[in-house]
Amino acid sequence: MRLICDDNDAAINALKDRNFPISETELVVVEVPAGHGLRSICSALLAGEVNIDYAYPLLTRPTGRAALAIHTEELETAVRLLVGRQFAVMTEEDLGPGPLR
């Protein structure tokens, strides 16, 4: 099972307290621009030969715009490609605490 939590530390502690095995992975989160956003994100990664293993849609704060959380084995390359094409790559701090996003 994969979880994206607003309080990562609390989720890890709760699972460990109940003896669940866990592993953590990093994701790159990119804001989806208006129009052909998903296509443009995928095209940027495809051009750089970066495979997307899986992705999750997110609703971010404070803008309320859609974002895409992407897992790839080439995280640094993906970030470099997206930033180079003027996409808004978000950090954990940008997502902020709060109810489900």
PDB file of N, CA and C in Angstrom:
ATOM      1  N   MET A   1       0.842  -1.146   0.000  1.00  0.00           N
ATOM      2  CA  MET A   1       0.000   0.000   0.000  1.00  0.00           C
ATOM      3  C   MET A   1       0.904   1.231   0.000  1.00  0.00           C
ATOM      4  N   ARG A   2       0.531   2.230  -0.781  1.00  0.00           N
ATOM      5  CA  ARG A   2       1.267   3.493  -0.814  1.00  0.00           C
ATOM      6  C   ARG A   2       0.410   4.574  -0.179  1.00  0.00           C
ATOM      7  N   LEU A   3       1.055   5.405   0.636  1.00  0.00           N
ATOM      8  CA  LEU A   3       0.361   6.501   1.301  1.00  0.00           C
ATOM      9  C   LEU A   3       1.103   7.801   1.058  1.00  0.00           C
ATOM     10  N   ILE A   4       0.356   8.854   0.827  1.00  0.00           N
ATOM     11  CA  ILE A   4       0.904  10.202   0.837  1.00  0.00           C
ATOM     12  C   ILE A   4       0.202  10.898   1.998  1.00  0.00           C
ATOM     13  N   CYS A   5       0.993  11.334   2.975  1.00  0.00           N
ATOM     14  CA  CYS A   5       0.424  11.875   4.212  1.00  0.00           C
ATOM     15  C   CYS A   5       0.794  13.336   4.387  1.00  0.00           C
ATOM     16  N   ASP A   6      -0.051  14.070   5.071  1.00  0.00           N
ATOM     17  CA  ASP A   6       0.274  15.461   5.353  1.00  0.00           C
ATOM     18  C   ASP A   6       1.224  15.583   6.544  1.00  0.00           C
ATOM     19  N   ASP A   7       1.324  14.551   7.380  1.00  0.00           N
ATOM     20  CA  ASP A   7       2.270  14.538   8.492  1.00  0.00           C
ATOM     21  C   ASP A   7       3.051  13.223   8.415  1.00  0.00           C
ATOM     22  N   ASN A   8       4.123  13.262   7.642  1.00  0.00           N
ATOM     23  CA  ASN A   8       4.915  12.069   7.372  1.00  0.00           C
ATOM     24  C   ASN A   8       5.440  11.411   8.648  1.00  0.00           C
ATOM     25  N   ASP A   9       5.973  12.221   9.555  1.00  0.00           N
ATOM     26  CA  ASP A   9       6.553  11.669  10.786  1.00  0.00           C
ATOM     27  C   ASP A   9       5.503  10.961  11.635  1.00  0.00           C
ATOM     28  N   ALA A  10       4.332  11.543  11.773  1.00  0.00           N
ATOM     29  CA  ALA A  10       3.269  10.921  12.566  1.00  0.00           C
ATOM     30  C   ALA A  10       2.811   9.613  11.932  1.00  0.00           C
ATOM     31  N   ALA A  11       2.711   9.589  10.609  1.00  0.00           N
ATOM     32  CA  ALA A  11       2.293   8.369   9.917  1.00  0.00           C
ATOM     33  C   ALA A  11       3.325   7.252  10.106  1.00  0.00           C
ATOM     34  N   ILE A  12       4.602   7.601   9.971  1.00  0.00           N
ATOM     35  CA  ILE A  12       5.665   6.604  10.159  1.00  0.00           C
ATOM     36  C   ILE A  12       5.639   6.064  11.582  1.00  0.00           C
ATOM     37  N   ASN A  13       5.520   6.949  12.558  1.00  0.00           N
ATOM     38  CA  ASN A  13       5.487   6.511  13.953  1.00  0.00           C
ATOM     39  C   ASN A  13       4.282   5.618  14.238  1.00  0.00           C
ATOM     40  N   ALA A  14       3.128   5.969  13.715  1.00  0.00           N
ATOM     41  CA  ALA A  14       1.917   5.159  13.930  1.00  0.00           C
ATOM     42  C   ALA A  14       2.083   3.764  13.327  1.00  0.00           C
ATOM     43  N   LEU A  15       2.649   3.685  12.142  1.00  0.00           N
ATOM     44  CA  LEU A  15       2.842   2.378  11.496  1.00  0.00           C
ATOM     45  C   LEU A  15       3.897   1.547  12.232  1.00  0.00           C
ATOM     46  N   LYS A  16       4.991   2.190  12.620  1.00  0.00           N
ATOM     47  CA  LYS A  16       6.046   1.474  13.353  1.00  0.00           C
ATOM     48  C   LYS A  16       5.533   0.980  14.705  1.00  0.00           C
ATOM     49  N   ASP A  17       4.721   1.804  15.393  1.00  0.00           N
ATOM     50  CA  ASP A  17       4.165   1.419  16.688  1.00  0.00           C
ATOM     51  C   ASP A  17       3.304   0.161  16.583  1.00  0.00           C
ATOM     52  N   ARG A  18       2.743  -0.053  15.399  1.00  0.00           N
ATOM     53  CA  ARG A  18       1.887  -1.230  15.175  1.00  0.00           C
ATOM     54  C   ARG A  18       2.616  -2.342  14.422  1.00  0.00           C
ATOM     55  N   ASN A  19       3.953  -2.210  14.365  1.00  0.00           N
ATOM     56  CA  ASN A  19       4.844  -3.216  13.772  1.00  0.00           C
ATOM     57  C   ASN A  19       4.615  -3.460  12.281  1.00  0.00           C
ATOM     58  N   PHE A  20       4.166  -2.448  11.557  1.00  0.00           N
ATOM     59  CA  PHE A  20       4.071  -2.567  10.106  1.00  0.00           C
ATOM     60  C   PHE A  20       5.440  -2.275   9.498  1.00  0.00           C
ATOM     61  N   PRO A  21       5.873  -3.077   8.541  1.00  0.00           N
ATOM     62  CA  PRO A  21       7.121  -2.733   7.845  1.00  0.00           C
ATOM     63  C   PRO A  21       6.864  -1.529   6.934  1.00  0.00           C
ATOM     64  N   ILE A  22       7.824  -0.626   6.863  1.00  0.00           N
ATOM     65  CA  ILE A  22       7.639   0.554   6.026  1.00  0.00           C
ATOM     66  C   ILE A  22       8.881   0.810   5.180  1.00  0.00           C
ATOM     67  N   SER A  23       8.687   1.513   4.112  1.00  0.00           N
ATOM     68  CA  SER A  23       9.788   2.077   3.337  1.00  0.00           C
ATOM     69  C   SER A  23       9.316   3.423   2.823  1.00  0.00           C
ATOM     70  N   GLU A  24      10.250   4.321   2.657  1.00  0.00           N
ATOM     71  CA  GLU A  24       9.928   5.661   2.188  1.00  0.00           C
ATOM     72  C   GLU A  24      10.554   5.874   0.816  1.00  0.00           C
ATOM     73  N   THR A  25       9.862   6.616  -0.025  1.00  0.00           N
ATOM     74  CA  THR A  25      10.409   7.012  -1.313  1.00  0.00           C
ATOM     75  C   THR A  25      10.157   8.495  -1.508  1.00  0.00           C
ATOM     76  N   GLU A  26      11.025   9.123  -2.261  1.00  0.00           N
ATOM     77  CA  GLU A  26      10.854  10.534  -2.561  1.00  0.00           C
ATOM     78  C   GLU A  26      10.084  10.691  -3.857  1.00  0.00           C
ATOM     79  N   LEU A  27       9.303  11.750  -3.908  1.00  0.00           N
ATOM     80  CA  LEU A  27       8.525  12.084  -5.091  1.00  0.00           C
ATOM     81  C   LEU A  27       8.877  13.495  -5.526  1.00  0.00           C
ATOM     82  N   VAL A  28       8.731  13.767  -6.792  1.00  0.00           N
ATOM     83  CA  VAL A  28       8.815  15.141  -7.273  1.00  0.00           C
ATOM     84  C   VAL A  28       7.370  15.599  -7.477  1.00  0.00           C
ATOM     85  N   VAL A  29       7.060  16.790  -6.957  1.00  0.00           N
ATOM     86  CA  VAL A  29       5.712  17.338  -7.087  1.00  0.00           C
ATOM     87  C   VAL A  29       5.801  18.570  -7.978  1.00  0.00           C
ATOM     88  N   VAL A  30       5.012  18.561  -9.032  1.00  0.00           N
ATOM     89  CA  VAL A  30       5.017  19.651  -9.993  1.00  0.00           C
ATOM     90  C   VAL A  30       3.602  20.179 -10.166  1.00  0.00           C
ATOM     91  N   GLU A  31       3.490  21.505 -10.154  1.00  0.00           N
ATOM     92  CA  GLU A  31       2.187  22.122 -10.357  1.00  0.00           C
ATOM     93  C   GLU A  31       1.771  21.931 -11.815  1.00  0.00           C
ATOM     94  N   VAL A  32       0.517  21.565 -12.013  1.00  0.00           N
ATOM     95  CA  VAL A  32       0.000  21.325 -13.364  1.00  0.00           C
ATOM     96  C   VAL A  32      -0.459  22.663 -13.944  1.00  0.00           C
ATOM     97  N   PRO A  33       0.186  23.116 -15.034  1.00  0.00           N
ATOM     98  CA  PRO A  33      -0.241  24.378 -15.634  1.00  0.00           C
ATOM     99  C   PRO A  33      -1.585  24.223 -16.344  1.00  0.00           C
ATOM    100  N   ALA A  34      -2.269  25.340 -16.518  1.00  0.00           N
ATOM    101  CA  ALA A  34      -3.565  25.324 -17.212  1.00  0.00           C
ATOM    102  C   ALA A  34      -3.380  24.869 -18.659  1.00  0.00           C
ATOM    103  N   GLY A  35      -4.417  24.356 -19.227  1.00  0.00           N
ATOM    104  CA  GLY A  35      -4.361  23.923 -20.624  1.00  0.00           C
ATOM    105  C   GLY A  35      -3.936  22.472 -20.734  1.00  0.00           C
ATOM    106  N   HIS A  36      -2.863  22.248 -21.420  1.00  0.00           N
ATOM    107  CA  HIS A  36      -2.360  20.890 -21.673  1.00  0.00           C
ATOM    108  C   HIS A  36      -1.305  20.503 -20.636  1.00  0.00           C
ATOM    109  N   GLY A  37      -1.594  20.750 -19.377  1.00  0.00           N
ATOM    110  CA  GLY A  37      -0.626  20.570 -18.302  1.00  0.00           C
ATOM    111  C   GLY A  37      -0.043  19.192 -18.172  1.00  0.00           C
ATOM    112  N   LEU A  38      -0.910  18.177 -18.100  1.00  0.00           N
ATOM    113  CA  LEU A  38      -0.391  16.813 -17.934  1.00  0.00           C
ATOM    114  C   LEU A  38       0.440  16.403 -19.138  1.00  0.00           C
ATOM    115  N   ARG A  39      -0.048  16.735 -20.308  1.00  0.00           N
ATOM    116  CA  ARG A  39       0.699  16.379 -21.524  1.00  0.00           C
ATOM    117  C   ARG A  39       2.054  17.072 -21.547  1.00  0.00           C
ATOM    118  N   SER A  40       2.095  18.338 -21.148  1.00  0.00           N
ATOM    119  CA  SER A  40       3.361  19.064 -21.184  1.00  0.00           C
ATOM    120  C   SER A  40       4.356  18.523 -20.148  1.00  0.00           C
ATOM    121  N   ILE A  41       3.867  18.109 -18.992  1.00  0.00           N
ATOM    122  CA  ILE A  41       4.741  17.510 -17.979  1.00  0.00           C
ATOM    123  C   ILE A  41       5.316  16.198 -18.501  1.00  0.00           C
ATOM    124  N   CYS A  42       4.445  15.356 -19.027  1.00  0.00           N
ATOM    125  CA  CYS A  42       4.895  14.061 -19.556  1.00  0.00           C
ATOM    126  C   CYS A  42       5.836  14.243 -20.737  1.00  0.00           C
ATOM    127  N   SER A  43       5.567  15.221 -21.591  1.00  0.00           N
ATOM    128  CA  SER A  43       6.435  15.480 -22.746  1.00  0.00           C
ATOM    129  C   SER A  43       7.825  15.917 -22.306  1.00  0.00           C
ATOM    130  N   ALA A  44       7.894  16.763 -21.265  1.00  0.00           N
ATOM    131  CA  ALA A  44       9.191  17.211 -20.755  1.00  0.00           C
ATOM    132  C   ALA A  44      10.006  16.037 -20.230  1.00  0.00           C
ATOM    133  N   LEU A  45       9.355  15.136 -19.517  1.00  0.00           N
ATOM    134  CA  LEU A  45      10.064  13.973 -18.974  1.00  0.00           C
ATOM    135  C   LEU A  45      10.430  12.983 -20.072  1.00  0.00           C
ATOM    136  N   LEU A  46       9.536  12.801 -21.026  1.00  0.00           N
ATOM    137  CA  LEU A  46       9.813  11.910 -22.154  1.00  0.00           C
ATOM    138  C   LEU A  46      11.012  12.406 -22.956  1.00  0.00           C
ATOM    139  N   ALA A  47      11.079  13.710 -23.181  1.00  0.00           N
ATOM    140  CA  ALA A  47      12.196  14.285 -23.933  1.00  0.00           C
ATOM    141  C   ALA A  47      13.532  14.011 -23.243  1.00  0.00           C
ATOM    142  N   GLY A  48      13.512  13.948 -21.917  1.00  0.00           N
ATOM    143  CA  GLY A  48      14.716  13.655 -21.149  1.00  0.00           C
ATOM    144  C   GLY A  48      14.903  12.182 -20.857  1.00  0.00           C
ATOM    145  N   GLU A  49      14.061  11.337 -21.461  1.00  0.00           N
ATOM    146  CA  GLU A  49      14.111   9.882 -21.283  1.00  0.00           C
ATOM    147  C   GLU A  49      13.988   9.471 -19.819  1.00  0.00           C
ATOM    148  N   VAL A  50      13.073  10.150 -19.108  1.00  0.00           N
ATOM    149  CA  VAL A  50      12.804   9.841 -17.703  1.00  0.00           C
ATOM    150  C   VAL A  50      11.503   9.049 -17.641  1.00  0.00           C
ATOM    151  N   ASN A  51      11.556   7.866 -17.071  1.00  0.00           N
ATOM    152  CA  ASN A  51      10.369   7.029 -16.906  1.00  0.00           C
ATOM    153  C   ASN A  51       9.605   7.416 -15.656  1.00  0.00           C
ATOM    154  N   ILE A  52       8.289   7.460 -15.775  1.00  0.00           N
ATOM    155  CA  ILE A  52       7.425   7.681 -14.623  1.00  0.00           C
ATOM    156  C   ILE A  52       6.987   6.310 -14.123  1.00  0.00           C
ATOM    157  N   ASP A  53       7.357   5.978 -12.885  1.00  0.00           N
ATOM    158  CA  ASP A  53       6.950   4.700 -12.305  1.00  0.00           C
ATOM    159  C   ASP A  53       5.490   4.737 -11.879  1.00  0.00           C
ATOM    160  N   TYR A  54       5.105   5.819 -11.213  1.00  0.00           N
ATOM    161  CA  TYR A  54       3.714   6.037 -10.837  1.00  0.00           C
ATOM    162  C   TYR A  54       3.537   7.507 -10.493  1.00  0.00           C
ATOM    163  N   ALA A  55       2.287   7.947 -10.485  1.00  0.00           N
ATOM    164  CA  ALA A  55       1.995   9.354 -10.200  1.00  0.00           C
ATOM    165  C   ALA A  55       0.645   9.457  -9.496  1.00  0.00           C
ATOM    166  N   TYR A  56       0.511  10.515  -8.694  1.00  0.00           N
ATOM    167  CA  TYR A  56      -0.722  10.769  -7.957  1.00  0.00           C
ATOM    168  C   TYR A  56      -1.126  12.223  -8.146  1.00  0.00           C
ATOM    169  N   PRO A  57      -2.405  12.481  -8.362  1.00  0.00           N
ATOM    170  CA  PRO A  57      -2.859  13.871  -8.424  1.00  0.00           C
ATOM    171  C   PRO A  57      -2.996  14.438  -7.009  1.00  0.00           C
ATOM    172  N   LEU A  58      -2.687  15.718  -6.861  1.00  0.00           N
ATOM    173  CA  LEU A  58      -2.817  16.411  -5.584  1.00  0.00           C
ATOM    174  C   LEU A  58      -3.514  17.744  -5.815  1.00  0.00           C
ATOM    175  N   LEU A  59      -4.173  18.239  -4.800  1.00  0.00           N
ATOM    176  CA  LEU A  59      -4.696  19.600  -4.803  1.00  0.00           C
ATOM    177  C   LEU A  59      -3.874  20.351  -3.776  1.00  0.00           C
ATOM    178  N   THR A  60      -3.201  21.414  -4.192  1.00  0.00           N
ATOM    179  CA  THR A  60      -2.256  22.092  -3.312  1.00  0.00           C
ATOM    180  C   THR A  60      -2.824  23.360  -2.721  1.00  0.00           C
ATOM    181  N   ARG A  61      -2.195  23.782  -1.649  1.00  0.00           N
ATOM    182  CA  ARG A  61      -2.512  25.047  -0.998  1.00  0.00           C
ATOM    183  C   ARG A  61      -1.324  25.962  -1.156  1.00  0.00           C
ATOM    184  N   PRO A  62      -1.436  27.247  -1.136  1.00  0.00           N
ATOM    185  CA  PRO A  62      -2.665  28.010  -0.991  1.00  0.00           C
ATOM    186  C   PRO A  62      -3.375  28.275  -2.322  1.00  0.00           C
ATOM    187  N   THR A  63      -2.766  27.893  -3.433  1.00  0.00           N
ATOM    188  CA  THR A  63      -3.326  28.247  -4.740  1.00  0.00           C
ATOM    189  C   THR A  63      -4.553  27.443  -5.114  1.00  0.00           C
ATOM    190  N   GLY A  64      -4.684  26.221  -4.589  1.00  0.00           N
ATOM    191  CA  GLY A  64      -5.791  25.356  -4.961  1.00  0.00           C
ATOM    192  C   GLY A  64      -5.617  24.741  -6.339  1.00  0.00           C
ATOM    193  N   ARG A  65      -4.458  24.931  -6.949  1.00  0.00           N
ATOM    194  CA  ARG A  65      -4.192  24.371  -8.270  1.00  0.00           C
ATOM    195  C   ARG A  65      -3.833  22.892  -8.151  1.00  0.00           C
ATOM    196  N   ALA A  66      -4.041  22.200  -9.229  1.00  0.00           N
ATOM    197  CA  ALA A  66      -3.690  20.783  -9.267  1.00  0.00           C
ATOM    198  C   ALA A  66      -2.169  20.632  -9.335  1.00  0.00           C
ATOM    199  N   ALA A  67      -1.699  19.541  -8.765  1.00  0.00           N
ATOM    200  CA  ALA A  67      -0.284  19.194  -8.841  1.00  0.00           C
ATOM    201  C   ALA A  67      -0.198  17.700  -9.095  1.00  0.00           C
ATOM    202  N   LEU A  68       0.958  17.267  -9.540  1.00  0.00           N
ATOM    203  CA  LEU A  68       1.190  15.859  -9.813  1.00  0.00           C
ATOM    204  C   LEU A  68       2.405  15.414  -9.018  1.00  0.00           C
ATOM    205  N   ALA A  69       2.227  14.398  -8.176  1.00  0.00           N
ATOM    206  CA  ALA A  69       3.325  13.788  -7.433  1.00  0.00           C
ATOM    207  C   ALA A  69       3.815  12.612  -8.260  1.00  0.00           C
ATOM    208  N   ILE A  70       5.091  12.638  -8.629  1.00  0.00           N
ATOM    209  CA  ILE A  70       5.651  11.661  -9.568  1.00  0.00           C
ATOM    210  C   ILE A  70       6.778  10.892  -8.900  1.00  0.00           C
ATOM    211  N   HIS A  71       6.761   9.576  -9.070  1.00  0.00           N
ATOM    212  CA  HIS A  71       7.896   8.757  -8.648  1.00  0.00           C
ATOM    213  C   HIS A  71       8.661   8.329  -9.882  1.00  0.00           C
ATOM    214  N   THR A  72       9.955   8.539  -9.826  1.00  0.00           N
ATOM    215  CA  THR A  72      10.859   8.102 -10.878  1.00  0.00           C
ATOM    216  C   THR A  72      12.181   7.718 -10.239  1.00  0.00           C
ATOM    217  N   GLU A  73      12.891   6.820 -10.876  1.00  0.00           N
ATOM    218  CA  GLU A  73      14.222   6.443 -10.384  1.00  0.00           C
ATOM    219  C   GLU A  73      15.229   7.559 -10.655  1.00  0.00           C
ATOM    220  N   GLU A  74      14.866   8.502 -11.513  1.00  0.00           N
ATOM    221  CA  GLU A  74      15.761   9.587 -11.909  1.00  0.00           C
ATOM    222  C   GLU A  74      15.229  10.922 -11.392  1.00  0.00           C
ATOM    223  N   LEU A  75      15.095  11.018 -10.084  1.00  0.00           N
ATOM    224  CA  LEU A  75      14.481  12.172  -9.447  1.00  0.00           C
ATOM    225  C   LEU A  75      15.207  13.478  -9.779  1.00  0.00           C
ATOM    226  N   GLU A  76      16.513  13.497  -9.632  1.00  0.00           N
ATOM    227  CA  GLU A  76      17.272  14.727  -9.887  1.00  0.00           C
ATOM    228  C   GLU A  76      17.163  15.166 -11.341  1.00  0.00           C
ATOM    229  N   THR A  77      17.210  14.214 -12.260  1.00  0.00           N
ATOM    230  CA  THR A  77      17.066  14.532 -13.683  1.00  0.00           C
ATOM    231  C   THR A  77      15.678  15.087 -13.960  1.00  0.00           C
ATOM    232  N   ALA A  78      14.655  14.480 -13.373  1.00  0.00           N
ATOM    233  CA  ALA A  78      13.284  14.947 -13.568  1.00  0.00           C
ATOM    234  C   ALA A  78      13.128  16.384 -13.073  1.00  0.00           C
ATOM    235  N   VAL A  79      13.657  16.681 -11.897  1.00  0.00           N
ATOM    236  CA  VAL A  79      13.564  18.035 -11.346  1.00  0.00           C
ATOM    237  C   VAL A  79      14.282  19.011 -12.273  1.00  0.00           C
ATOM    238  N   ARG A  80      15.474  18.663 -12.714  1.00  0.00           N
ATOM    239  CA  ARG A  80      16.245  19.544 -13.598  1.00  0.00           C
ATOM    240  C   ARG A  80      15.491  19.822 -14.894  1.00  0.00           C
ATOM    241  N   LEU A  81      14.912  18.781 -15.494  1.00  0.00           N
ATOM    242  CA  LEU A  81      14.158  18.949 -16.736  1.00  0.00           C
ATOM    243  C   LEU A  81      12.928  19.829 -16.537  1.00  0.00           C
ATOM    244  N   LEU A  82      12.188  19.588 -15.467  1.00  0.00           N
ATOM    245  CA  LEU A  82      10.969  20.351 -15.216  1.00  0.00           C
ATOM    246  C   LEU A  82      11.272  21.813 -14.909  1.00  0.00           C
ATOM    247  N   VAL A  83      12.269  22.061 -14.082  1.00  0.00           N
ATOM    248  CA  VAL A  83      12.653  23.435 -13.764  1.00  0.00           C
ATOM    249  C   VAL A  83      13.160  24.133 -15.026  1.00  0.00           C
ATOM    250  N   GLY A  84      13.920  23.410 -15.845  1.00  0.00           N
ATOM    251  CA  GLY A  84      14.433  23.971 -17.091  1.00  0.00           C
ATOM    252  C   GLY A  84      13.343  24.367 -18.063  1.00  0.00           C
ATOM    253  N   ARG A  85      12.188  23.734 -17.950  1.00  0.00           N
ATOM    254  CA  ARG A  85      11.040  24.075 -18.809  1.00  0.00           C
ATOM    255  C   ARG A  85      10.031  24.969 -18.096  1.00  0.00           C
ATOM    256  N   GLN A  86      10.476  25.591 -17.023  1.00  0.00           N
ATOM    257  CA  GLN A  86       9.693  26.601 -16.294  1.00  0.00           C
ATOM    258  C   GLN A  86       8.473  26.048 -15.553  1.00  0.00           C
ATOM    259  N   PHE A  87       8.483  24.766 -15.205  1.00  0.00           N
ATOM    260  CA  PHE A  87       7.413  24.215 -14.379  1.00  0.00           C
ATOM    261  C   PHE A  87       7.677  24.593 -12.928  1.00  0.00           C
ATOM    262  N   ALA A  88       6.615  24.743 -12.142  1.00  0.00           N
ATOM    263  CA  ALA A  88       6.737  25.027 -10.713  1.00  0.00           C
ATOM    264  C   ALA A  88       6.884  23.705  -9.975  1.00  0.00           C
ATOM    265  N   VAL A  89       8.124  23.378  -9.596  1.00  0.00           N
ATOM    266  CA  VAL A  89       8.400  22.181  -8.810  1.00  0.00           C
ATOM    267  C   VAL A  89       8.270  22.576  -7.350  1.00  0.00           C
ATOM    268  N   MET A  90       7.513  21.792  -6.594  1.00  0.00           N
ATOM    269  CA  MET A  90       7.182  22.149  -5.221  1.00  0.00           C
ATOM    270  C   MET A  90       7.996  21.332  -4.224  1.00  0.00           C
ATOM    271  N   THR A  91       8.214  21.936  -3.068  1.00  0.00           N
ATOM    272  CA  THR A  91       8.890  21.241  -1.975  1.00  0.00           C
ATOM    273  C   THR A  91       7.849  20.794  -0.955  1.00  0.00           C
ATOM    274  N   GLU A  92       8.286  20.018   0.005  1.00  0.00           N
ATOM    275  CA  GLU A  92       7.388  19.572   1.078  1.00  0.00           C
ATOM    276  C   GLU A  92       6.818  20.775   1.831  1.00  0.00           C
ATOM    277  N   GLU A  93       7.643  21.810   2.010  1.00  0.00           N
ATOM    278  CA  GLU A  93       7.190  23.016   2.698  1.00  0.00           C
ATOM    279  C   GLU A  93       6.114  23.746   1.896  1.00  0.00           C
ATOM    280  N   ASP A  94       6.214  23.701   0.563  1.00  0.00           N
ATOM    281  CA  ASP A  94       5.204  24.352  -0.283  1.00  0.00           C
ATOM    282  C   ASP A  94       3.836  23.712  -0.091  1.00  0.00           C
ATOM    283  N   LEU A  95       3.821  22.413   0.157  1.00  0.00           N
ATOM    284  CA  LEU A  95       2.550  21.700   0.309  1.00  0.00           C
ATOM    285  C   LEU A  95       1.906  22.011   1.641  1.00  0.00           C
ATOM    286  N   GLY A  96       2.713  22.228   2.675  1.00  0.00           N
ATOM    287  CA  GLY A  96       2.210  22.632   3.975  1.00  0.00           C
ATOM    288  C   GLY A  96       1.333  21.614   4.659  1.00  0.00           C
ATOM    289  N   PRO A  97       1.179  21.768   5.980  1.00  0.00           N
ATOM    290  CA  PRO A  97       0.318  20.868   6.737  1.00  0.00           C
ATOM    291  C   PRO A  97      -1.154  21.198   6.527  1.00  0.00           C
ATOM    292  N   GLY A  98      -1.978  20.285   6.886  1.00  0.00           N
ATOM    293  CA  GLY A  98      -3.410  20.539   6.804  1.00  0.00           C
ATOM    294  C   GLY A  98      -4.159  19.302   6.364  1.00  0.00           C
ATOM    295  N   PRO A  99      -5.460  19.422   6.164  1.00  0.00           N
ATOM    296  CA  PRO A  99      -6.254  18.283   5.723  1.00  0.00           C
ATOM    297  C   PRO A  99      -5.806  17.806   4.346  1.00  0.00           C
ATOM    298  N   LEU A 100      -6.379  16.732   3.887  1.00  0.00           N
ATOM    299  CA  LEU A 100      -6.010  16.134   2.614  1.00  0.00           C
ATOM    300  C   LEU A 100      -5.888  17.160   1.514  1.00  0.00           C
ATOM    301  N   ARG A 101      -4.866  16.974   0.696  1.00  0.00           N
ATOM    302  CA  ARG A 101      -4.631  17.861  -0.433  1.00  0.00           C
ATOM    303  C   ARG A 101      -4.956  17.137  -1.695  1.00  0.00           C
TER     304      ARG A 101
END
